[in-house]
Amino acid sequence: MIEEIHWLTYIMIILASYRFTHLIVFDKITEFIRKPFLKDKTYQDDDGHLKHKEIPTSKFGYLLNCYWCAGVWSAIFMALGYLYIPQIALPIIFIFSIAGAQAILETFVGVGVKLVDFLKSSSN
């Protein structure tokens, strides 16, 4: 079954997993899911400044806060969804893969725009 996956479908699953992972770990819209599993810790850095950091209160909180951990579970979720319930998973994978590709493109465009702005300001 796995050897029958078309390369384009495989790329779509990768992009969908990437975007779903980012949604879970970083996006503001899912903060309400992460919040109960995190606590705010205040500490002093080497320069004497007070810093705030959210740390996980459980293994599940760590999973929701760790990009690499959530990425593994996201990949499992997307792959098993595609393999066992493709009629439901494919539209979700399709949408998340478009969003994932767009996010990657936006990152490169954003870096390019910042570089152009930097080069313009340094030449003056």
PDB file of N, CA and C in Angstrom:
ATOM      1  N   MET A   1       0.827  -1.200   0.000  1.00  0.00           N
ATOM      2  CA  MET A   1       0.000   0.000   0.000  1.00  0.00           C
ATOM      3  C   MET A   1       0.868   1.259   0.000  1.00  0.00           C
ATOM      4  N   ILE A   2       1.894   1.276   0.845  1.00  0.00           N
ATOM      5  CA  ILE A   2       2.741   2.456   0.925  1.00  0.00           C
ATOM      6  C   ILE A   2       3.525   2.660  -0.369  1.00  0.00           C
ATOM      7  N   GLU A   3       3.955   1.573  -0.998  1.00  0.00           N
ATOM      8  CA  GLU A   3       4.725   1.717  -2.238  1.00  0.00           C
ATOM      9  C   GLU A   3       3.888   2.263  -3.387  1.00  0.00           C
ATOM     10  N   GLU A   4       2.568   2.326  -3.202  1.00  0.00           N
ATOM     11  CA  GLU A   4       1.688   2.842  -4.237  1.00  0.00           C
ATOM     12  C   GLU A   4       1.435   4.354  -4.116  1.00  0.00           C
ATOM     13  N   ILE A   5       1.968   4.975  -3.092  1.00  0.00           N
ATOM     14  CA  ILE A   5       1.745   6.411  -2.899  1.00  0.00           C
ATOM     15  C   ILE A   5       2.501   7.197  -3.963  1.00  0.00           C
ATOM     16  N   HIS A   6       1.796   8.030  -4.668  1.00  0.00           N
ATOM     17  CA  HIS A   6       2.398   8.885  -5.693  1.00  0.00           C
ATOM     18  C   HIS A   6       3.286   9.915  -5.016  1.00  0.00           C
ATOM     19  N   TRP A   7       4.362  10.314  -5.680  1.00  0.00           N
ATOM     20  CA  TRP A   7       5.311  11.253  -5.078  1.00  0.00           C
ATOM     21  C   TRP A   7       4.655  12.587  -4.728  1.00  0.00           C
ATOM     22  N   LEU A   8       3.677  13.012  -5.536  1.00  0.00           N
ATOM     23  CA  LEU A   8       3.006  14.277  -5.258  1.00  0.00           C
ATOM     24  C   LEU A   8       2.151  14.175  -3.984  1.00  0.00           C
ATOM     25  N   THR A   9       1.515  13.029  -3.816  1.00  0.00           N
ATOM     26  CA  THR A   9       0.745  12.800  -2.585  1.00  0.00           C
ATOM     27  C   THR A   9       1.672  12.801  -1.375  1.00  0.00           C
ATOM     28  N   TYR A  10       2.833  12.193  -1.529  1.00  0.00           N
ATOM     29  CA  TYR A  10       3.815  12.156  -0.449  1.00  0.00           C
ATOM     30  C   TYR A  10       4.254  13.575  -0.068  1.00  0.00           C
ATOM     31  N   ILE A  11       4.525  14.409  -1.059  1.00  0.00           N
ATOM     32  CA  ILE A  11       4.897  15.808  -0.806  1.00  0.00           C
ATOM     33  C   ILE A  11       3.751  16.541  -0.117  1.00  0.00           C
ATOM     34  N   MET A  12       2.522  16.277  -0.550  1.00  0.00           N
ATOM     35  CA  MET A  12       1.360  16.910   0.086  1.00  0.00           C
ATOM     36  C   MET A  12       1.253  16.508   1.552  1.00  0.00           C
ATOM     37  N   ILE A  13       1.503  15.245   1.864  1.00  0.00           N
ATOM     38  CA  ILE A  13       1.442  14.781   3.258  1.00  0.00           C
ATOM     39  C   ILE A  13       2.534  15.453   4.080  1.00  0.00           C
ATOM     40  N   ILE A  14       3.721  15.604   3.502  1.00  0.00           N
ATOM     41  CA  ILE A  14       4.815  16.290   4.203  1.00  0.00           C
ATOM     42  C   ILE A  14       4.437  17.738   4.500  1.00  0.00           C
ATOM     43  N   LEU A  15       3.945  18.459   3.489  1.00  0.00           N
ATOM     44  CA  LEU A  15       3.558  19.858   3.683  1.00  0.00           C
ATOM     45  C   LEU A  15       2.405  19.994   4.671  1.00  0.00           C
ATOM     46  N   ALA A  16       1.441  19.079   4.593  1.00  0.00           N
ATOM     47  CA  ALA A  16       0.306  19.122   5.517  1.00  0.00           C
ATOM     48  C   ALA A  16       0.766  18.869   6.949  1.00  0.00           C
ATOM     49  N   SER A  17       1.669  17.911   7.107  1.00  0.00           N
ATOM     50  CA  SER A  17       2.204  17.621   8.435  1.00  0.00           C
ATOM     51  C   SER A  17       2.976  18.814   8.991  1.00  0.00           C
ATOM     52  N   TYR A  18       3.755  19.457   8.131  1.00  0.00           N
ATOM     53  CA  TYR A  18       4.499  20.658   8.533  1.00  0.00           C
ATOM     54  C   TYR A  18       3.547  21.745   9.036  1.00  0.00           C
ATOM     55  N   ARG A  19       2.504  22.016   8.260  1.00  0.00           N
ATOM     56  CA  ARG A  19       1.587  23.099   8.628  1.00  0.00           C
ATOM     57  C   ARG A  19       0.778  22.751   9.868  1.00  0.00           C
ATOM     58  N   PHE A  20       0.348  21.490   9.978  1.00  0.00           N
ATOM     59  CA  PHE A  20      -0.420  21.053  11.148  1.00  0.00           C
ATOM     60  C   PHE A  20       0.441  21.147  12.413  1.00  0.00           C
ATOM     61  N   THR A  21       1.700  20.769  12.297  1.00  0.00           N
ATOM     62  CA  THR A  21       2.622  20.876  13.434  1.00  0.00           C
ATOM     63  C   THR A  21       2.775  22.330  13.866  1.00  0.00           C
ATOM     64  N   HIS A  22       2.963  23.213  12.910  1.00  0.00           N
ATOM     65  CA  HIS A  22       3.101  24.637  13.224  1.00  0.00           C
ATOM     66  C   HIS A  22       1.836  25.165  13.882  1.00  0.00           C
ATOM     67  N   LEU A  23       0.694  24.735  13.402  1.00  0.00           N
ATOM     68  CA  LEU A  23      -0.590  25.140  13.979  1.00  0.00           C
ATOM     69  C   LEU A  23      -0.667  24.742  15.452  1.00  0.00           C
ATOM     70  N   ILE A  24      -0.271  23.536  15.759  1.00  0.00           N
ATOM     71  CA  ILE A  24      -0.339  23.038  17.140  1.00  0.00           C
ATOM     72  C   ILE A  24       0.650  23.757  18.050  1.00  0.00           C
ATOM     73  N   VAL A  25       1.889  23.914  17.600  1.00  0.00           N
ATOM     74  CA  VAL A  25       2.966  24.379  18.476  1.00  0.00           C
ATOM     75  C   VAL A  25       3.066  25.900  18.567  1.00  0.00           C
ATOM     76  N   PHE A  26       2.802  26.625  17.471  1.00  0.00           N
ATOM     77  CA  PHE A  26       3.113  28.055  17.452  1.00  0.00           C
ATOM     78  C   PHE A  26       1.930  29.002  17.284  1.00  0.00           C
ATOM     79  N   ASP A  27       0.911  28.611  16.563  1.00  0.00           N
ATOM     80  CA  ASP A  27      -0.112  29.568  16.159  1.00  0.00           C
ATOM     81  C   ASP A  27      -0.970  30.046  17.329  1.00  0.00           C
ATOM     82  N   LYS A  28      -1.320  31.313  17.271  1.00  0.00           N
ATOM     83  CA  LYS A  28      -2.122  31.970  18.316  1.00  0.00           C
ATOM     84  C   LYS A  28      -3.502  31.321  18.459  1.00  0.00           C
ATOM     85  N   ILE A  29      -4.057  30.863  17.336  1.00  0.00           N
ATOM     86  CA  ILE A  29      -5.409  30.331  17.347  1.00  0.00           C
ATOM     87  C   ILE A  29      -5.533  29.052  18.187  1.00  0.00           C
ATOM     88  N   THR A  30      -4.442  28.319  18.364  1.00  0.00           N
ATOM     89  CA  THR A  30      -4.482  27.099  19.173  1.00  0.00           C
ATOM     90  C   THR A  30      -3.841  27.285  20.551  1.00  0.00           C
ATOM     91  N   GLU A  31      -3.601  28.532  20.927  1.00  0.00           N
ATOM     92  CA  GLU A  31      -3.004  28.815  22.235  1.00  0.00           C
ATOM     93  C   GLU A  31      -3.867  28.288  23.378  1.00  0.00           C
ATOM     94  N   PHE A  32      -5.180  28.321  23.193  1.00  0.00           N
ATOM     95  CA  PHE A  32      -6.087  27.841  24.237  1.00  0.00           C
ATOM     96  C   PHE A  32      -5.904  26.346  24.513  1.00  0.00           C
ATOM     97  N   ILE A  33      -5.401  25.607  23.540  1.00  0.00           N
ATOM     98  CA  ILE A  33      -5.136  24.178  23.747  1.00  0.00           C
ATOM     99  C   ILE A  33      -3.855  23.995  24.555  1.00  0.00           C
ATOM    100  N   ARG A  34      -2.834  24.791  24.256  1.00  0.00           N
ATOM    101  CA  ARG A  34      -1.540  24.677  24.942  1.00  0.00           C
ATOM    102  C   ARG A  34      -1.558  25.259  26.353  1.00  0.00           C
ATOM    103  N   LYS A  35      -2.313  26.331  26.545  1.00  0.00           N
ATOM    104  CA  LYS A  35      -2.275  27.116  27.788  1.00  0.00           C
ATOM    105  C   LYS A  35      -2.452  26.290  29.073  1.00  0.00           C
ATOM    106  N   PRO A  36      -3.426  25.364  29.148  1.00  0.00           N
ATOM    107  CA  PRO A  36      -3.594  24.612  30.392  1.00  0.00           C
ATOM    108  C   PRO A  36      -2.404  23.714  30.751  1.00  0.00           C
ATOM    109  N   PHE A  37      -1.535  23.454  29.789  1.00  0.00           N
ATOM    110  CA  PHE A  37      -0.417  22.546  30.008  1.00  0.00           C
ATOM    111  C   PHE A  37       0.926  23.271  30.141  1.00  0.00           C
ATOM    112  N   LEU A  38       0.863  24.607  30.268  1.00  0.00           N
ATOM    113  CA  LEU A  38       2.075  25.411  30.401  1.00  0.00           C
ATOM    114  C   LEU A  38       1.970  26.313  31.623  1.00  0.00           C
ATOM    115  N   LYS A  39       3.121  26.603  32.242  1.00  0.00           N
ATOM    116  CA  LYS A  39       3.136  27.581  33.329  1.00  0.00           C
ATOM    117  C   LYS A  39       4.216  28.610  33.035  1.00  0.00           C
ATOM    118  N   ASP A  40       3.987  29.812  33.528  1.00  0.00           N
ATOM    119  CA  ASP A  40       4.913  30.918  33.303  1.00  0.00           C
ATOM    120  C   ASP A  40       6.013  30.871  34.353  1.00  0.00           C
ATOM    121  N   LYS A  41       7.245  30.918  33.902  1.00  0.00           N
ATOM    122  CA  LYS A  41       8.383  30.921  34.815  1.00  0.00           C
ATOM    123  C   LYS A  41       9.170  32.200  34.587  1.00  0.00           C
ATOM    124  N   THR A  42       9.475  32.901  35.662  1.00  0.00           N
ATOM    125  CA  THR A  42      10.278  34.115  35.591  1.00  0.00           C
ATOM    126  C   THR A  42      11.681  33.788  36.080  1.00  0.00           C
ATOM    127  N   TYR A  43      12.664  34.233  35.328  1.00  0.00           N
ATOM    128  CA  TYR A  43      14.057  34.001  35.711  1.00  0.00           C
ATOM    129  C   TYR A  43      14.894  35.212  35.337  1.00  0.00           C
ATOM    130  N   GLN A  44      16.088  35.262  35.882  1.00  0.00           N
ATOM    131  CA  GLN A  44      16.991  36.379  35.633  1.00  0.00           C
ATOM    132  C   GLN A  44      18.111  35.901  34.710  1.00  0.00           C
ATOM    133  N   ASP A  45      18.340  36.644  33.619  1.00  0.00           N
ATOM    134  CA  ASP A  45      19.410  36.250  32.697  1.00  0.00           C
ATOM    135  C   ASP A  45      20.759  36.743  33.215  1.00  0.00           C
ATOM    136  N   ASP A  46      21.828  36.483  32.464  1.00  0.00           N
ATOM    137  CA  ASP A  46      23.186  36.836  32.894  1.00  0.00           C
ATOM    138  C   ASP A  46      23.394  38.338  33.050  1.00  0.00           C
ATOM    139  N   ASP A  47      22.589  39.131  32.334  1.00  0.00           N
ATOM    140  CA  ASP A  47      22.701  40.589  32.422  1.00  0.00           C
ATOM    141  C   ASP A  47      21.833  41.177  33.528  1.00  0.00           C
ATOM    142  N   GLY A  48      21.121  40.334  34.260  1.00  0.00           N
ATOM    143  CA  GLY A  48      20.280  40.812  35.351  1.00  0.00           C
ATOM    144  C   GLY A  48      18.868  41.178  34.944  1.00  0.00           C
ATOM    145  N   HIS A  49      18.504  40.943  33.689  1.00  0.00           N
ATOM    146  CA  HIS A  49      17.141  41.245  33.218  1.00  0.00           C
ATOM    147  C   HIS A  49      16.193  40.093  33.554  1.00  0.00           C
ATOM    148  N   LEU A  50      14.974  40.476  33.946  1.00  0.00           N
ATOM    149  CA  LEU A  50      13.961  39.459  34.210  1.00  0.00           C
ATOM    150  C   LEU A  50      13.365  38.990  32.887  1.00  0.00           C
ATOM    151  N   LYS A  51      13.278  37.681  32.725  1.00  0.00           N
ATOM    152  CA  LYS A  51      12.727  37.074  31.514  1.00  0.00           C
ATOM    153  C   LYS A  51      11.563  36.169  31.911  1.00  0.00           C
ATOM    154  N   HIS A  52      10.614  36.049  30.999  1.00  0.00           N
ATOM    155  CA  HIS A  52       9.469  35.161  31.205  1.00  0.00           C
ATOM    156  C   HIS A  52       9.522  34.059  30.161  1.00  0.00           C
ATOM    157  N   LYS A  53       9.248  32.866  30.607  1.00  0.00           N
ATOM    158  CA  LYS A  53       9.260  31.725  29.704  1.00  0.00           C
ATOM    159  C   LYS A  53       8.144  30.778  30.119  1.00  0.00           C
ATOM    160  N   GLU A  54       7.427  30.263  29.119  1.00  0.00           N
ATOM    161  CA  GLU A  54       6.405  29.270  29.415  1.00  0.00           C
ATOM    162  C   GLU A  54       7.042  27.887  29.341  1.00  0.00           C
ATOM    163  N   ILE A  55       6.852  27.106  30.407  1.00  0.00           N
ATOM    164  CA  ILE A  55       7.409  25.765  30.431  1.00  0.00           C
ATOM    165  C   ILE A  55       6.275  24.757  30.599  1.00  0.00           C
ATOM    166  N   PRO A  56       6.435  23.575  30.031  1.00  0.00           N
ATOM    167  CA  PRO A  56       5.389  22.546  30.130  1.00  0.00           C
ATOM    168  C   PRO A  56       5.228  22.046  31.561  1.00  0.00           C
ATOM    169  N   THR A  57       3.980  21.741  31.920  1.00  0.00           N
ATOM    170  CA  THR A  57       3.696  21.208  33.255  1.00  0.00           C
ATOM    171  C   THR A  57       3.538  19.690  33.228  1.00  0.00           C
ATOM    172  N   SER A  58       3.551  19.092  32.038  1.00  0.00           N
ATOM    173  CA  SER A  58       3.382  17.642  31.908  1.00  0.00           C
ATOM    174  C   SER A  58       4.021  17.181  30.601  1.00  0.00           C
ATOM    175  N   LYS A  59       4.044  15.874  30.407  1.00  0.00           N
ATOM    176  CA  LYS A  59       4.571  15.336  29.156  1.00  0.00           C
ATOM    177  C   LYS A  59       3.692  15.750  27.978  1.00  0.00           C
ATOM    178  N   PHE A  60       2.403  15.842  28.194  1.00  0.00           N
ATOM    179  CA  PHE A  60       1.509  16.291  27.131  1.00  0.00           C
ATOM    180  C   PHE A  60       1.781  17.757  26.799  1.00  0.00           C
ATOM    181  N   GLY A  61       2.055  18.560  27.815  1.00  0.00           N
ATOM    182  CA  GLY A  61       2.413  19.959  27.593  1.00  0.00           C
ATOM    183  C   GLY A  61       3.710  20.065  26.818  1.00  0.00           C
ATOM    184  N   TYR A  62       4.651  19.178  27.116  1.00  0.00           N
ATOM    185  CA  TYR A  62       5.905  19.163  26.366  1.00  0.00           C
ATOM    186  C   TYR A  62       5.644  18.802  24.908  1.00  0.00           C
ATOM    187  N   LEU A  63       4.762  17.845  24.689  1.00  0.00           N
ATOM    188  CA  LEU A  63       4.398  17.446  23.327  1.00  0.00           C
ATOM    189  C   LEU A  63       3.802  18.615  22.551  1.00  0.00           C
ATOM    190  N   LEU A  64       2.962  19.397  23.186  1.00  0.00           N
ATOM    191  CA  LEU A  64       2.324  20.539  22.527  1.00  0.00           C
ATOM    192  C   LEU A  64       3.276  21.711  22.318  1.00  0.00           C
ATOM    193  N   ASN A  65       4.375  21.720  23.041  1.00  0.00           N
ATOM    194  CA  ASN A  65       5.327  22.826  22.985  1.00  0.00           C
ATOM    195  C   ASN A  65       6.600  22.475  22.211  1.00  0.00           C
ATOM    196  N   CYS A  66       6.785  21.219  21.882  1.00  0.00           N
ATOM    197  CA  CYS A  66       7.997  20.751  21.201  1.00  0.00           C
ATOM    198  C   CYS A  66       7.701  20.515  19.725  1.00  0.00           C
ATOM    199  N   TYR A  67       8.359  21.286  18.880  1.00  0.00           N
ATOM    200  CA  TYR A  67       8.115  21.195  17.439  1.00  0.00           C
ATOM    201  C   TYR A  67       8.465  19.813  16.895  1.00  0.00           C
ATOM    202  N   TRP A  68       9.571  19.257  17.357  1.00  0.00           N
ATOM    203  CA  TRP A  68      10.000  17.949  16.859  1.00  0.00           C
ATOM    204  C   TRP A  68       9.050  16.850  17.314  1.00  0.00           C
ATOM    205  N   CYS A  69       8.619  16.897  18.556  1.00  0.00           N
ATOM    206  CA  CYS A  69       7.692  15.883  19.086  1.00  0.00           C
ATOM    207  C   CYS A  69       6.338  15.953  18.379  1.00  0.00           C
ATOM    208  N   ALA A  70       5.797  17.150  18.319  1.00  0.00           N
ATOM    209  CA  ALA A  70       4.500  17.326  17.662  1.00  0.00           C
ATOM    210  C   ALA A  70       4.594  16.971  16.179  1.00  0.00           C
ATOM    211  N   GLY A  71       5.752  17.187  15.574  1.00  0.00           N
ATOM    212  CA  GLY A  71       5.942  16.848  14.176  1.00  0.00           C
ATOM    213  C   GLY A  71       5.822  15.365  13.908  1.00  0.00           C
ATOM    214  N   VAL A  72       6.354  14.554  14.818  1.00  0.00           N
ATOM    215  CA  VAL A  72       6.246  13.102  14.668  1.00  0.00           C
ATOM    216  C   VAL A  72       4.786  12.680  14.746  1.00  0.00           C
ATOM    217  N   TRP A  73       4.071  13.177  15.750  1.00  0.00           N
ATOM    218  CA  TRP A  73       2.663  12.802  15.908  1.00  0.00           C
ATOM    219  C   TRP A  73       1.802  13.359  14.778  1.00  0.00           C
ATOM    220  N   SER A  74       2.140  14.517  14.295  1.00  0.00           N
ATOM    221  CA  SER A  74       1.426  15.097  13.173  1.00  0.00           C
ATOM    222  C   SER A  74       1.615  14.246  11.921  1.00  0.00           C
ATOM    223  N   ALA A  75       2.844  13.803  11.681  1.00  0.00           N
ATOM    224  CA  ALA A  75       3.131  12.946  10.524  1.00  0.00           C
ATOM    225  C   ALA A  75       2.372  11.623  10.635  1.00  0.00           C
ATOM    226  N   ILE A  76       2.349  11.060  11.832  1.00  0.00           N
ATOM    227  CA  ILE A  76       1.603   9.810  12.040  1.00  0.00           C
ATOM    228  C   ILE A  76       0.125  10.033  11.768  1.00  0.00           C
ATOM    229  N   PHE A  77      -0.421  11.116  12.286  1.00  0.00           N
ATOM    230  CA  PHE A  77      -1.831  11.446  12.101  1.00  0.00           C
ATOM    231  C   PHE A  77      -2.171  11.606  10.621  1.00  0.00           C
ATOM    232  N   MET A  78      -1.366  12.366   9.892  1.00  0.00           N
ATOM    233  CA  MET A  78      -1.622  12.600   8.464  1.00  0.00           C
ATOM    234  C   MET A  78      -1.470  11.317   7.654  1.00  0.00           C
ATOM    235  N   ALA A  79      -0.420  10.562   7.918  1.00  0.00           N
ATOM    236  CA  ALA A  79      -0.162   9.336   7.150  1.00  0.00           C
ATOM    237  C   ALA A  79      -1.236   8.280   7.403  1.00  0.00           C
ATOM    238  N   LEU A  80      -1.569   8.060   8.663  1.00  0.00           N
ATOM    239  CA  LEU A  80      -2.606   7.060   8.960  1.00  0.00           C
ATOM    240  C   LEU A  80      -3.971   7.501   8.444  1.00  0.00           C
ATOM    241  N   GLY A  81      -4.235   8.786   8.525  1.00  0.00           N
ATOM    242  CA  GLY A  81      -5.475   9.300   7.957  1.00  0.00           C
ATOM    243  C   GLY A  81      -5.557   9.023   6.474  1.00  0.00           C
ATOM    244  N   TYR A  82      -4.467   9.292   5.773  1.00  0.00           N
ATOM    245  CA  TYR A  82      -4.440   9.040   4.329  1.00  0.00           C
ATOM    246  C   TYR A  82      -4.586   7.545   4.022  1.00  0.00           C
ATOM    247  N   LEU A  83      -3.898   6.695   4.786  1.00  0.00           N
ATOM    248  CA  LEU A  83      -3.911   5.257   4.509  1.00  0.00           C
ATOM    249  C   LEU A  83      -5.244   4.589   4.842  1.00  0.00           C
ATOM    250  N   TYR A  84      -5.904   5.030   5.912  1.00  0.00           N
ATOM    251  CA  TYR A  84      -7.093   4.314   6.380  1.00  0.00           C
ATOM    252  C   TYR A  84      -8.421   5.005   6.095  1.00  0.00           C
ATOM    253  N   ILE A  85      -8.439   6.322   6.011  1.00  0.00           N
ATOM    254  CA  ILE A  85      -9.678   7.037   5.679  1.00  0.00           C
ATOM    255  C   ILE A  85      -9.384   8.147   4.662  1.00  0.00           C
ATOM    256  N   PRO A  86      -8.913   7.760   3.490  1.00  0.00           N
ATOM    257  CA  PRO A  86      -8.483   8.762   2.511  1.00  0.00           C
ATOM    258  C   PRO A  86      -9.585   9.718   2.066  1.00  0.00           C
ATOM    259  N   GLN A  87     -10.828   9.274   2.029  1.00  0.00           N
ATOM    260  CA  GLN A  87     -11.904  10.165   1.586  1.00  0.00           C
ATOM    261  C   GLN A  87     -12.118  11.325   2.557  1.00  0.00           C
ATOM    262  N   ILE A  88     -11.777  11.149   3.801  1.00  0.00           N
ATOM    263  CA  ILE A  88     -11.859  12.241   4.780  1.00  0.00           C
ATOM    264  C   ILE A  88     -10.522  12.982   4.859  1.00  0.00           C
ATOM    265  N   ALA A  89      -9.421  12.227   4.864  1.00  0.00           N
ATOM    266  CA  ALA A  89      -8.102  12.813   5.080  1.00  0.00           C
ATOM    267  C   ALA A  89      -7.604  13.621   3.879  1.00  0.00           C
ATOM    268  N   LEU A  90      -7.906  13.206   2.682  1.00  0.00           N
ATOM    269  CA  LEU A  90      -7.366  13.900   1.502  1.00  0.00           C
ATOM    270  C   LEU A  90      -7.767  15.369   1.409  1.00  0.00           C
ATOM    271  N   PRO A  91      -9.022  15.735   1.643  1.00  0.00           N
ATOM    272  CA  PRO A  91      -9.335  17.176   1.617  1.00  0.00           C
ATOM    273  C   PRO A  91      -8.583  17.966   2.700  1.00  0.00           C
ATOM    274  N   ILE A  92      -8.414  17.354   3.870  1.00  0.00           N
ATOM    275  CA  ILE A  92      -7.676  18.011   4.955  1.00  0.00           C
ATOM    276  C   ILE A  92      -6.204  18.144   4.575  1.00  0.00           C
ATOM    277  N   ILE A  93      -5.628  17.069   4.054  1.00  0.00           N
ATOM    278  CA  ILE A  93      -4.230  17.084   3.612  1.00  0.00           C
ATOM    279  C   ILE A  93      -4.042  18.113   2.507  1.00  0.00           C
ATOM    280  N   PHE A  94      -4.980  18.171   1.582  1.00  0.00           N
ATOM    281  CA  PHE A  94      -4.898  19.121   0.469  1.00  0.00           C
ATOM    282  C   PHE A  94      -4.843  20.559   0.984  1.00  0.00           C
ATOM    283  N   ILE A  95      -5.744  20.903   1.896  1.00  0.00           N
ATOM    284  CA  ILE A  95      -5.801  22.263   2.431  1.00  0.00           C
ATOM    285  C   ILE A  95      -4.554  22.590   3.253  1.00  0.00           C
ATOM    286  N   PHE A  96      -4.155  21.674   4.140  1.00  0.00           N
ATOM    287  CA  PHE A  96      -2.966  21.920   4.965  1.00  0.00           C
ATOM    288  C   PHE A  96      -1.696  21.964   4.115  1.00  0.00           C
ATOM    289  N   SER A  97      -1.643  21.191   3.027  1.00  0.00           N
ATOM    290  CA  SER A  97      -0.445  21.218   2.179  1.00  0.00           C
ATOM    291  C   SER A  97      -0.329  22.543   1.445  1.00  0.00           C
ATOM    292  N   ILE A  98      -1.441  23.092   0.994  1.00  0.00           N
ATOM    293  CA  ILE A  98      -1.404  24.412   0.364  1.00  0.00           C
ATOM    294  C   ILE A  98      -0.950  25.457   1.387  1.00  0.00           C
ATOM    295  N   ALA A  99      -1.512  25.392   2.586  1.00  0.00           N
ATOM    296  CA  ALA A  99      -1.132  26.341   3.638  1.00  0.00           C
ATOM    297  C   ALA A  99       0.334  26.169   4.027  1.00  0.00           C
ATOM    298  N   GLY A 100       0.821  24.933   4.059  1.00  0.00           N
ATOM    299  CA  GLY A 100       2.220  24.677   4.387  1.00  0.00           C
ATOM    300  C   GLY A 100       3.162  25.231   3.340  1.00  0.00           C
ATOM    301  N   ALA A 101       2.838  25.003   2.067  1.00  0.00           N
ATOM    302  CA  ALA A 101       3.669  25.534   0.983  1.00  0.00           C
ATOM    303  C   ALA A 101       3.651  27.061   0.998  1.00  0.00           C
ATOM    304  N   GLN A 102       2.491  27.625   1.245  1.00  0.00           N
ATOM    305  CA  GLN A 102       2.375  29.081   1.308  1.00  0.00           C
ATOM    306  C   GLN A 102       3.223  29.635   2.452  1.00  0.00           C
ATOM    307  N   ALA A 103       3.214  28.960   3.593  1.00  0.00           N
ATOM    308  CA  ALA A 103       4.002  29.424   4.740  1.00  0.00           C
ATOM    309  C   ALA A 103       5.494  29.388   4.431  1.00  0.00           C
ATOM    310  N   ILE A 104       5.923  28.344   3.749  1.00  0.00           N
ATOM    311  CA  ILE A 104       7.334  28.240   3.376  1.00  0.00           C
ATOM    312  C   ILE A 104       7.698  29.348   2.385  1.00  0.00           C
ATOM    313  N   LEU A 105       6.861  29.558   1.390  1.00  0.00           N
ATOM    314  CA  LEU A 105       7.112  30.633   0.422  1.00  0.00           C
ATOM    315  C   LEU A 105       7.140  31.999   1.095  1.00  0.00           C
ATOM    316  N   GLU A 106       6.217  32.218   2.020  1.00  0.00           N
ATOM    317  CA  GLU A 106       6.158  33.497   2.729  1.00  0.00           C
ATOM    318  C   GLU A 106       7.421  33.723   3.556  1.00  0.00           C
ATOM    319  N   THR A 107       7.967  32.666   4.114  1.00  0.00           N
ATOM    320  CA  THR A 107       9.213  32.779   4.874  1.00  0.00           C
ATOM    321  C   THR A 107      10.335  33.275   3.965  1.00  0.00           C
ATOM    322  N   PHE A 108      10.459  32.683   2.782  1.00  0.00           N
ATOM    323  CA  PHE A 108      11.506  33.106   1.851  1.00  0.00           C
ATOM    324  C   PHE A 108      11.271  34.523   1.350  1.00  0.00           C
ATOM    325  N   VAL A 109      10.034  34.861   1.059  1.00  0.00           N
ATOM    326  CA  VAL A 109       9.716  36.217   0.605  1.00  0.00           C
ATOM    327  C   VAL A 109      10.020  37.216   1.716  1.00  0.00           C
ATOM    328  N   GLY A 110       9.610  36.886   2.950  1.00  0.00           N
ATOM    329  CA  GLY A 110       9.866  37.773   4.087  1.00  0.00           C
ATOM    330  C   GLY A 110      11.342  38.001   4.316  1.00  0.00           C
ATOM    331  N   VAL A 111      12.142  36.943   4.206  1.00  0.00           N
ATOM    332  CA  VAL A 111      13.593  37.080   4.371  1.00  0.00           C
ATOM    333  C   VAL A 111      14.153  37.943   3.243  1.00  0.00           C
ATOM    334  N   GLY A 112      13.661  37.717   2.026  1.00  0.00           N
ATOM    335  CA  GLY A 112      14.125  38.517   0.885  1.00  0.00           C
ATOM    336  C   GLY A 112      13.792  39.984   1.038  1.00  0.00           C
ATOM    337  N   VAL A 113      12.587  40.280   1.485  1.00  0.00           N
ATOM    338  CA  VAL A 113      12.172  41.672   1.685  1.00  0.00           C
ATOM    339  C   VAL A 113      13.020  42.325   2.766  1.00  0.00           C
ATOM    340  N   LYS A 114      13.265  41.608   3.866  1.00  0.00           N
ATOM    341  CA  LYS A 114      14.097  42.164   4.934  1.00  0.00           C
ATOM    342  C   LYS A 114      15.529  42.391   4.461  1.00  0.00           C
ATOM    343  N   LEU A 115      16.034  41.478   3.630  1.00  0.00           N
ATOM    344  CA  LEU A 115      17.385  41.636   3.105  1.00  0.00           C
ATOM    345  C   LEU A 115      17.470  42.852   2.187  1.00  0.00           C
ATOM    346  N   VAL A 116      16.490  43.033   1.326  1.00  0.00           N
ATOM    347  CA  VAL A 116      16.468  44.199   0.437  1.00  0.00           C
ATOM    348  C   VAL A 116      16.405  45.476   1.259  1.00  0.00           C
ATOM    349  N   ASP A 117      15.536  45.502   2.279  1.00  0.00           N
ATOM    350  CA  ASP A 117      15.445  46.685   3.144  1.00  0.00           C
ATOM    351  C   ASP A 117      16.763  46.947   3.863  1.00  0.00           C
ATOM    352  N   PHE A 118      17.397  45.889   4.335  1.00  0.00           N
ATOM    353  CA  PHE A 118      18.692  46.024   5.023  1.00  0.00           C
ATOM    354  C   PHE A 118      19.745  46.578   4.078  1.00  0.00           C
ATOM    355  N   LEU A 119      19.802  46.032   2.880  1.00  0.00           N
ATOM    356  CA  LEU A 119      20.800  46.492   1.912  1.00  0.00           C
ATOM    357  C   LEU A 119      20.566  47.940   1.507  1.00  0.00           C
ATOM    358  N   LYS A 120      19.298  48.317   1.382  1.00  0.00           N
ATOM    359  CA  LYS A 120      18.978  49.722   1.052  1.00  0.00           C
ATOM    360  C   LYS A 120      19.424  50.651   2.164  1.00  0.00           C
ATOM    361  N   SER A 121      19.151  50.263   3.408  1.00  0.00           N
ATOM    362  CA  SER A 121      19.488  51.143   4.543  1.00  0.00           C
ATOM    363  C   SER A 121      20.996  51.190   4.771  1.00  0.00           C
ATOM    364  N   SER A 122      21.723  50.127   4.485  1.00  0.00           N
ATOM    365  CA  SER A 122      23.167  50.145   4.710  1.00  0.00           C
ATOM    366  C   SER A 122      23.920  50.876   3.604  1.00  0.00           C
ATOM    367  N   SER A 123      23.301  51.035   2.445  1.00  0.00           N
ATOM    368  CA  SER A 123      23.985  51.739   1.346  1.00  0.00           C
ATOM    369  C   SER A 123      23.835  53.251   1.480  1.00  0.00           C
ATOM    370  N   ASN A 124      22.950  53.713   2.358  1.00  0.00           N
ATOM    371  CA  ASN A 124      22.749  55.164   2.534  1.00  0.00           C
ATOM    372  C   ASN A 124      23.757  55.768   3.443  1.00  0.00           C
TER     373      ASN A 124
END
